């Protein structure tokens, strides 16, 4: 990040321009949100579904072919914690129960 007037500009370092921050060969991997968690790590929410599109928006020829798969994974999901290797992973805050 570089300061520019009253704001900042961000650019990827040259050594990272040929890769993605997070990627997977798993076709069900659907990252839908990234947040900083209470431990300071980036938390990535993965929807983990076969398909996200609603069948209503598929072309007619696609509806029949994908019908058996429309709801696959609707009870699944994953949460990843992303942090640098050298980081001292923080602990979760204790709840006052």
C-alpha atoms as a PDB file:
ATOM      1  CA  UNK A   1       0.000   0.000   0.000  1.00  0.00           C
ATOM      2  CA  UNK A   2       1.164   3.478  -0.823  1.00  0.00           C
ATOM      3  CA  UNK A   3      -0.177   6.748   0.524  1.00  0.00           C
ATOM      4  CA  UNK A   4      -1.782   8.843  -2.195  1.00  0.00           C
ATOM      5  CA  UNK A   5      -3.202  12.210  -1.161  1.00  0.00           C
ATOM      6  CA  UNK A   6      -5.814  11.563   1.542  1.00  0.00           C
ATOM      7  CA  UNK A   7      -6.148   7.869   0.734  1.00  0.00           C
ATOM      8  CA  UNK A   8      -4.089   4.807  -0.191  1.00  0.00           C
ATOM      9  CA  UNK A   9      -3.350   2.845  -3.347  1.00  0.00           C
ATOM     10  CA  UNK A  10      -2.665  -0.890  -3.319  1.00  0.00           C
ATOM     11  CA  UNK A  11      -0.760  -2.977  -5.859  1.00  0.00           C
ATOM     12  CA  UNK A  12       0.327  -6.580  -5.965  1.00  0.00           C
ATOM     13  CA  UNK A  13       4.053  -7.225  -5.608  1.00  0.00           C
ATOM     14  CA  UNK A  14       5.706  -8.434  -8.845  1.00  0.00           C
ATOM     15  CA  UNK A  15       6.412 -11.892  -7.388  1.00  0.00           C
ATOM     16  CA  UNK A  16       2.678 -12.411  -6.717  1.00  0.00           C
ATOM     17  CA  UNK A  17       1.255 -11.296 -10.064  1.00  0.00           C
ATOM     18  CA  UNK A  18       1.086 -14.825 -11.495  1.00  0.00           C
ATOM     19  CA  UNK A  19      -0.912 -16.375  -8.656  1.00  0.00           C
ATOM     20  CA  UNK A  20      -4.116 -15.828  -6.721  1.00  0.00           C
ATOM     21  CA  UNK A  21      -4.383 -15.021  -3.041  1.00  0.00           C
ATOM     22  CA  UNK A  22      -6.602 -18.033  -2.510  1.00  0.00           C
ATOM     23  CA  UNK A  23      -7.468 -20.679  -5.082  1.00  0.00           C
ATOM     24  CA  UNK A  24      -8.488 -24.309  -5.215  1.00  0.00           C
ATOM     25  CA  UNK A  25      -8.761 -27.110  -7.745  1.00  0.00           C
ATOM     26  CA  UNK A  26     -11.904 -28.221  -5.892  1.00  0.00           C
ATOM     27  CA  UNK A  27     -14.854 -27.264  -8.122  1.00  0.00           C
ATOM     28  CA  UNK A  28     -17.132 -26.942  -5.081  1.00  0.00           C
ATOM     29  CA  UNK A  29     -14.921 -24.243  -3.522  1.00  0.00           C
ATOM     30  CA  UNK A  30     -17.011 -21.046  -3.479  1.00  0.00           C
ATOM     31  CA  UNK A  31     -15.386 -18.384  -1.256  1.00  0.00           C
ATOM     32  CA  UNK A  32     -18.133 -15.884  -0.465  1.00  0.00           C
ATOM     33  CA  UNK A  33     -16.734 -13.704   2.324  1.00  0.00           C
ATOM     34  CA  UNK A  34     -13.447 -12.692   3.963  1.00  0.00           C
ATOM     35  CA  UNK A  35     -13.199 -11.023   7.364  1.00  0.00           C
ATOM     36  CA  UNK A  36     -10.621 -10.431  10.061  1.00  0.00           C
ATOM     37  CA  UNK A  37     -11.419 -12.858  12.858  1.00  0.00           C
ATOM     38  CA  UNK A  38     -11.142 -12.276  16.607  1.00  0.00           C
ATOM     39  CA  UNK A  39      -7.703 -13.955  16.552  1.00  0.00           C
ATOM     40  CA  UNK A  40      -6.333 -11.526  13.937  1.00  0.00           C
ATOM     41  CA  UNK A  41      -6.306 -14.068  11.102  1.00  0.00           C
ATOM     42  CA  UNK A  42      -8.269 -13.690   7.862  1.00  0.00           C
ATOM     43  CA  UNK A  43     -11.315 -15.924   7.978  1.00  0.00           C
ATOM     44  CA  UNK A  44     -12.563 -17.153   4.600  1.00  0.00           C
ATOM     45  CA  UNK A  45     -16.123 -18.435   4.367  1.00  0.00           C
ATOM     46  CA  UNK A  46     -16.477 -21.180   1.737  1.00  0.00           C
ATOM     47  CA  UNK A  47     -20.040 -21.875   0.636  1.00  0.00           C
ATOM     48  CA  UNK A  48     -18.900 -25.328  -0.632  1.00  0.00           C
ATOM     49  CA  UNK A  49     -21.718 -26.161  -3.040  1.00  0.00           C
ATOM     50  CA  UNK A  50     -21.906 -27.901  -6.382  1.00  0.00           C
ATOM     51  CA  UNK A  51     -23.586 -24.876  -7.892  1.00  0.00           C
ATOM     52  CA  UNK A  52     -24.669 -21.479  -6.631  1.00  0.00           C
ATOM     53  CA  UNK A  53     -26.945 -20.433  -9.473  1.00  0.00           C
ATOM     54  CA  UNK A  54     -30.671 -20.815  -9.005  1.00  0.00           C
ATOM     55  CA  UNK A  55     -32.139 -23.206 -11.608  1.00  0.00           C
ATOM     56  CA  UNK A  56     -34.565 -20.501 -12.744  1.00  0.00           C
ATOM     57  CA  UNK A  57     -31.652 -18.603 -14.291  1.00  0.00           C
ATOM     58  CA  UNK A  58     -30.161 -21.540 -16.185  1.00  0.00           C
ATOM     59  CA  UNK A  59     -30.738 -21.965 -19.922  1.00  0.00           C
ATOM     60  CA  UNK A  60     -33.364 -24.633 -20.717  1.00  0.00           C
ATOM     61  CA  UNK A  61     -30.781 -27.114 -22.009  1.00  0.00           C
ATOM     62  CA  UNK A  62     -28.765 -26.680 -18.795  1.00  0.00           C
ATOM     63  CA  UNK A  63     -31.686 -27.244 -16.429  1.00  0.00           C
ATOM     64  CA  UNK A  64     -32.252 -30.857 -17.413  1.00  0.00           C
ATOM     65  CA  UNK A  65     -28.551 -31.719 -17.348  1.00  0.00           C
ATOM     66  CA  UNK A  66     -27.938 -30.228 -13.903  1.00  0.00           C
ATOM     67  CA  UNK A  67     -31.273 -31.075 -12.199  1.00  0.00           C
ATOM     68  CA  UNK A  68     -29.830 -33.930 -10.083  1.00  0.00           C
ATOM     69  CA  UNK A  69     -27.200 -31.572  -8.665  1.00  0.00           C
ATOM     70  CA  UNK A  70     -29.173 -28.401  -7.829  1.00  0.00           C
ATOM     71  CA  UNK A  71     -29.172 -28.903  -4.053  1.00  0.00           C
ATOM     72  CA  UNK A  72     -25.895 -30.811  -3.593  1.00  0.00           C
ATOM     73  CA  UNK A  73     -23.966 -29.286  -0.704  1.00  0.00           C
ATOM     74  CA  UNK A  74     -26.801 -27.160   0.695  1.00  0.00           C
ATOM     75  CA  UNK A  75     -25.892 -28.345   4.204  1.00  0.00           C
ATOM     76  CA  UNK A  76     -22.139 -27.923   3.786  1.00  0.00           C
ATOM     77  CA  UNK A  77     -19.681 -25.098   4.252  1.00  0.00           C
ATOM     78  CA  UNK A  78     -16.189 -24.465   5.518  1.00  0.00           C
ATOM     79  CA  UNK A  79     -14.328 -21.761   7.388  1.00  0.00           C
ATOM     80  CA  UNK A  80     -10.616 -21.226   6.757  1.00  0.00           C
ATOM     81  CA  UNK A  81      -8.233 -19.261   8.964  1.00  0.00           C
ATOM     82  CA  UNK A  82      -5.450 -17.689   6.899  1.00  0.00           C
ATOM     83  CA  UNK A  83      -2.377 -16.324   8.653  1.00  0.00           C
ATOM     84  CA  UNK A  84       1.366 -16.014   7.910  1.00  0.00           C
ATOM     85  CA  UNK A  85       3.490 -19.058   8.735  1.00  0.00           C
ATOM     86  CA  UNK A  86       5.609 -17.047  11.134  1.00  0.00           C
ATOM     87  CA  UNK A  87       2.610 -15.532  12.919  1.00  0.00           C
ATOM     88  CA  UNK A  88       1.894 -16.295  16.512  1.00  0.00           C
ATOM     89  CA  UNK A  89      -1.686 -17.468  16.159  1.00  0.00           C
ATOM     90  CA  UNK A  90      -3.873 -15.647  18.622  1.00  0.00           C
ATOM     91  CA  UNK A  91      -6.293 -17.344  20.923  1.00  0.00           C
ATOM     92  CA  UNK A  92     -10.027 -16.935  20.648  1.00  0.00           C
ATOM     93  CA  UNK A  93     -11.399 -14.438  23.138  1.00  0.00           C
ATOM     94  CA  UNK A  94     -13.103 -16.150  26.042  1.00  0.00           C
ATOM     95  CA  UNK A  95     -16.824 -15.541  26.255  1.00  0.00           C
ATOM     96  CA  UNK A  96     -18.422 -14.239  29.400  1.00  0.00           C
ATOM     97  CA  UNK A  97     -21.072 -16.910  29.739  1.00  0.00           C
END
